[in-house]
């Protein structure tokens, strides 16, 4: 999971080799866009900046289907 906190200017990537229920449940609880903090679980096998950007837009509730004309994908 990825946590970004705007107030702290901090981005953290957490991993859980065992994909435990505890971490899967606890980490999204820190998601709070009003406080400038997002927590997301990237699409499996995400390996490009573009794919990560789409995941961030999605977690923010922004549309991800408007970029075809800009040749960004």
N, C-alpha and C. Protein backbone atom coordinates (compact mmCIF):
# COMPACT_ATOMS: atom_id res chain seq x y z
N UNK A 1 0.84 -1.17 0.00
CA UNK A 1 0.00 0.00 0.00
C UNK A 1 0.88 1.23 0.00
N UNK A 2 0.33 2.30 -0.48
CA UNK A 2 1.06 3.56 -0.54
C UNK A 2 0.31 4.58 0.29
N UNK A 3 1.03 5.28 1.14
CA UNK A 3 0.45 6.32 1.97
C UNK A 3 1.15 7.62 1.62
N UNK A 4 0.39 8.66 1.33
CA UNK A 4 0.97 9.98 1.08
C UNK A 4 0.30 10.96 2.03
N UNK A 5 1.10 11.69 2.78
CA UNK A 5 0.59 12.68 3.71
C UNK A 5 1.13 14.04 3.30
N UNK A 6 0.24 14.89 2.79
CA UNK A 6 0.66 16.21 2.29
C UNK A 6 1.22 17.07 3.41
N UNK A 7 0.62 17.04 4.61
CA UNK A 7 1.08 17.88 5.71
C UNK A 7 2.50 17.53 6.12
N UNK A 8 2.83 16.27 6.11
CA UNK A 8 4.17 15.84 6.48
C UNK A 8 5.12 15.79 5.30
N UNK A 9 4.58 16.02 4.09
CA UNK A 9 5.36 15.89 2.86
C UNK A 9 6.07 14.54 2.85
N UNK A 10 5.30 13.52 3.10
CA UNK A 10 5.83 12.18 3.25
C UNK A 10 5.06 11.21 2.38
N UNK A 11 5.79 10.38 1.69
CA UNK A 11 5.17 9.27 0.98
C UNK A 11 5.82 8.01 1.50
N UNK A 12 5.01 7.02 1.79
CA UNK A 12 5.54 5.77 2.32
C UNK A 12 4.93 4.61 1.55
N UNK A 13 5.75 3.63 1.29
CA UNK A 13 5.28 2.40 0.65
C UNK A 13 5.40 1.30 1.69
N UNK A 14 4.31 0.63 1.93
CA UNK A 14 4.34 -0.48 2.89
C UNK A 14 4.11 -1.77 2.14
N UNK A 15 4.75 -2.80 2.57
CA UNK A 15 4.55 -4.10 1.95
C UNK A 15 4.23 -5.12 3.04
N UNK A 16 3.49 -6.10 2.67
CA UNK A 16 3.14 -7.19 3.57
C UNK A 16 3.26 -8.47 2.77
N UNK A 17 4.37 -9.14 2.94
CA UNK A 17 4.64 -10.35 2.16
C UNK A 17 3.52 -11.38 2.29
N UNK A 18 2.86 -11.38 3.42
CA UNK A 18 1.84 -12.39 3.67
C UNK A 18 0.43 -11.88 3.35
N UNK A 19 0.33 -10.60 2.96
CA UNK A 19 -0.96 -10.00 2.62
C UNK A 19 -1.99 -10.29 3.71
N UNK A 20 -1.62 -9.97 4.94
CA UNK A 20 -2.46 -10.30 6.09
C UNK A 20 -3.73 -9.47 6.13
N UNK A 21 -4.75 -10.04 6.72
CA UNK A 21 -6.01 -9.31 6.87
C UNK A 21 -5.83 -8.08 7.72
N UNK A 22 -4.98 -8.17 8.74
CA UNK A 22 -4.79 -7.04 9.65
C UNK A 22 -4.27 -5.81 8.91
N UNK A 23 -3.24 -5.98 8.09
CA UNK A 23 -2.70 -4.81 7.38
C UNK A 23 -3.65 -4.36 6.28
N UNK A 24 -4.29 -5.30 5.62
CA UNK A 24 -5.23 -4.94 4.56
C UNK A 24 -6.40 -4.13 5.13
N UNK A 25 -6.79 -4.40 6.36
CA UNK A 25 -7.89 -3.67 6.99
C UNK A 25 -7.42 -2.37 7.63
N UNK A 26 -6.24 -2.36 8.23
CA UNK A 26 -5.79 -1.20 9.00
C UNK A 26 -5.29 -0.04 8.13
N UNK A 27 -4.55 -0.33 7.10
CA UNK A 27 -3.95 0.75 6.32
C UNK A 27 -4.96 1.66 5.64
N UNK A 28 -6.02 1.14 5.03
CA UNK A 28 -6.98 2.07 4.41
C UNK A 28 -7.69 2.97 5.42
N UNK A 29 -7.68 2.60 6.68
CA UNK A 29 -8.32 3.44 7.70
C UNK A 29 -7.61 4.79 7.84
N UNK A 30 -6.36 4.88 7.39
CA UNK A 30 -5.64 6.14 7.48
C UNK A 30 -5.95 7.08 6.31
N UNK A 31 -6.72 6.62 5.33
CA UNK A 31 -7.09 7.43 4.16
C UNK A 31 -8.00 8.56 4.62
N UNK A 32 -7.60 9.80 4.39
CA UNK A 32 -8.39 10.97 4.80
C UNK A 32 -8.02 12.14 3.89
N UNK A 33 -8.74 12.27 2.77
CA UNK A 33 -8.40 13.32 1.81
C UNK A 33 -8.57 14.72 2.39
N UNK A 34 -9.48 14.90 3.35
CA UNK A 34 -9.67 16.22 3.96
C UNK A 34 -8.40 16.65 4.71
N UNK A 35 -7.64 15.70 5.18
CA UNK A 35 -6.38 15.99 5.88
C UNK A 35 -5.18 15.93 4.94
N UNK A 36 -5.43 15.71 3.64
CA UNK A 36 -4.34 15.63 2.67
C UNK A 36 -3.62 14.30 2.70
N UNK A 37 -4.32 13.25 3.12
CA UNK A 37 -3.69 11.94 3.24
C UNK A 37 -4.46 10.93 2.41
N UNK A 38 -3.76 10.22 1.53
CA UNK A 38 -4.39 9.16 0.76
C UNK A 38 -3.66 7.85 1.04
N UNK A 39 -4.42 6.80 1.00
CA UNK A 39 -3.87 5.46 1.13
C UNK A 39 -4.47 4.65 -0.01
N UNK A 40 -3.64 3.96 -0.73
CA UNK A 40 -4.15 3.20 -1.86
C UNK A 40 -3.44 1.86 -1.98
N UNK A 41 -4.12 0.96 -2.57
CA UNK A 41 -3.58 -0.37 -2.86
C UNK A 41 -3.43 -0.42 -4.37
N UNK A 42 -2.18 -0.32 -4.87
CA UNK A 42 -2.00 -0.26 -6.33
C UNK A 42 -2.50 -1.52 -7.04
N UNK A 43 -2.85 -1.33 -8.29
CA UNK A 43 -3.23 -2.45 -9.14
C UNK A 43 -2.09 -3.46 -9.15
N UNK A 44 -2.39 -4.74 -8.98
CA UNK A 44 -1.32 -5.74 -9.02
C UNK A 44 -0.48 -5.61 -10.29
N UNK A 45 0.80 -5.77 -10.15
CA UNK A 45 1.77 -5.72 -11.24
C UNK A 45 1.93 -4.32 -11.83
N UNK A 46 1.56 -3.29 -11.07
CA UNK A 46 1.78 -1.92 -11.54
C UNK A 46 3.28 -1.68 -11.63
N UNK A 47 3.72 -1.31 -12.83
CA UNK A 47 5.16 -1.11 -12.99
C UNK A 47 5.48 0.16 -13.76
N UNK A 48 4.48 1.00 -14.01
CA UNK A 48 4.75 2.25 -14.72
C UNK A 48 4.18 3.42 -13.93
N UNK A 49 4.74 4.57 -14.15
CA UNK A 49 4.23 5.77 -13.50
C UNK A 49 2.81 6.09 -13.94
N UNK A 50 2.49 5.80 -15.18
CA UNK A 50 1.15 6.06 -15.69
C UNK A 50 0.12 5.20 -14.95
N UNK A 51 0.42 3.93 -14.77
CA UNK A 51 -0.51 3.04 -14.06
C UNK A 51 -0.70 3.50 -12.62
N UNK A 52 0.38 3.92 -11.98
CA UNK A 52 0.28 4.41 -10.61
C UNK A 52 -0.53 5.70 -10.56
N UNK A 53 -0.35 6.57 -11.54
CA UNK A 53 -1.12 7.81 -11.59
C UNK A 53 -2.61 7.53 -11.72
N UNK A 54 -2.98 6.55 -12.55
CA UNK A 54 -4.38 6.17 -12.68
C UNK A 54 -4.93 5.67 -11.35
N UNK A 55 -4.15 4.87 -10.62
CA UNK A 55 -4.60 4.38 -9.32
C UNK A 55 -4.81 5.53 -8.34
N UNK A 56 -3.91 6.51 -8.37
CA UNK A 56 -4.05 7.67 -7.47
C UNK A 56 -5.29 8.47 -7.84
N UNK A 57 -5.51 8.71 -9.13
CA UNK A 57 -6.73 9.41 -9.54
C UNK A 57 -7.98 8.67 -9.08
N UNK A 58 -7.96 7.36 -9.22
CA UNK A 58 -9.13 6.56 -8.83
C UNK A 58 -9.39 6.66 -7.33
N UNK A 59 -8.35 6.59 -6.52
CA UNK A 59 -8.55 6.65 -5.07
C UNK A 59 -9.04 8.03 -4.64
N UNK A 60 -8.74 9.04 -5.44
CA UNK A 60 -9.22 10.39 -5.17
C UNK A 60 -10.62 10.63 -5.73
N UNK A 61 -11.16 9.62 -6.41
CA UNK A 61 -12.51 9.75 -6.96
C UNK A 61 -12.55 10.56 -8.25
N UNK A 62 -11.43 10.71 -8.90
CA UNK A 62 -11.35 11.48 -10.15
C UNK A 62 -11.52 10.55 -11.34
N UNK A 63 -12.03 11.07 -12.45
CA UNK A 63 -12.19 10.22 -13.63
C UNK A 63 -10.85 9.81 -14.21
N UNK A 64 -10.80 8.60 -14.70
CA UNK A 64 -9.56 8.08 -15.29
C UNK A 64 -9.74 7.75 -16.77
N UNK A 65 -10.87 8.12 -17.33
CA UNK A 65 -11.16 7.75 -18.71
C UNK A 65 -11.14 8.94 -19.67
N UNK A 66 -10.51 10.03 -19.29
CA UNK A 66 -10.53 11.23 -20.12
C UNK A 66 -9.20 11.55 -20.77
N UNK A 67 -8.26 10.64 -20.75
CA UNK A 67 -6.92 10.96 -21.21
C UNK A 67 -6.55 10.43 -22.58
N UNK A 68 -7.43 9.69 -23.22
CA UNK A 68 -7.12 9.10 -24.52
C UNK A 68 -6.69 10.12 -25.56
N UNK A 69 -7.34 11.27 -25.60
CA UNK A 69 -7.02 12.30 -26.58
C UNK A 69 -5.68 12.97 -26.35
N UNK A 70 -5.15 12.82 -25.15
CA UNK A 70 -3.86 13.43 -24.83
C UNK A 70 -2.70 12.45 -25.04
N UNK A 71 -3.00 11.23 -25.43
CA UNK A 71 -1.99 10.20 -25.67
C UNK A 71 -1.10 9.98 -24.46
N UNK A 72 -1.73 9.94 -23.27
CA UNK A 72 -0.98 9.74 -22.04
C UNK A 72 -0.91 8.27 -21.64
N UNK A 73 -1.79 7.47 -22.17
CA UNK A 73 -1.82 6.07 -21.76
C UNK A 73 -0.91 5.23 -22.62
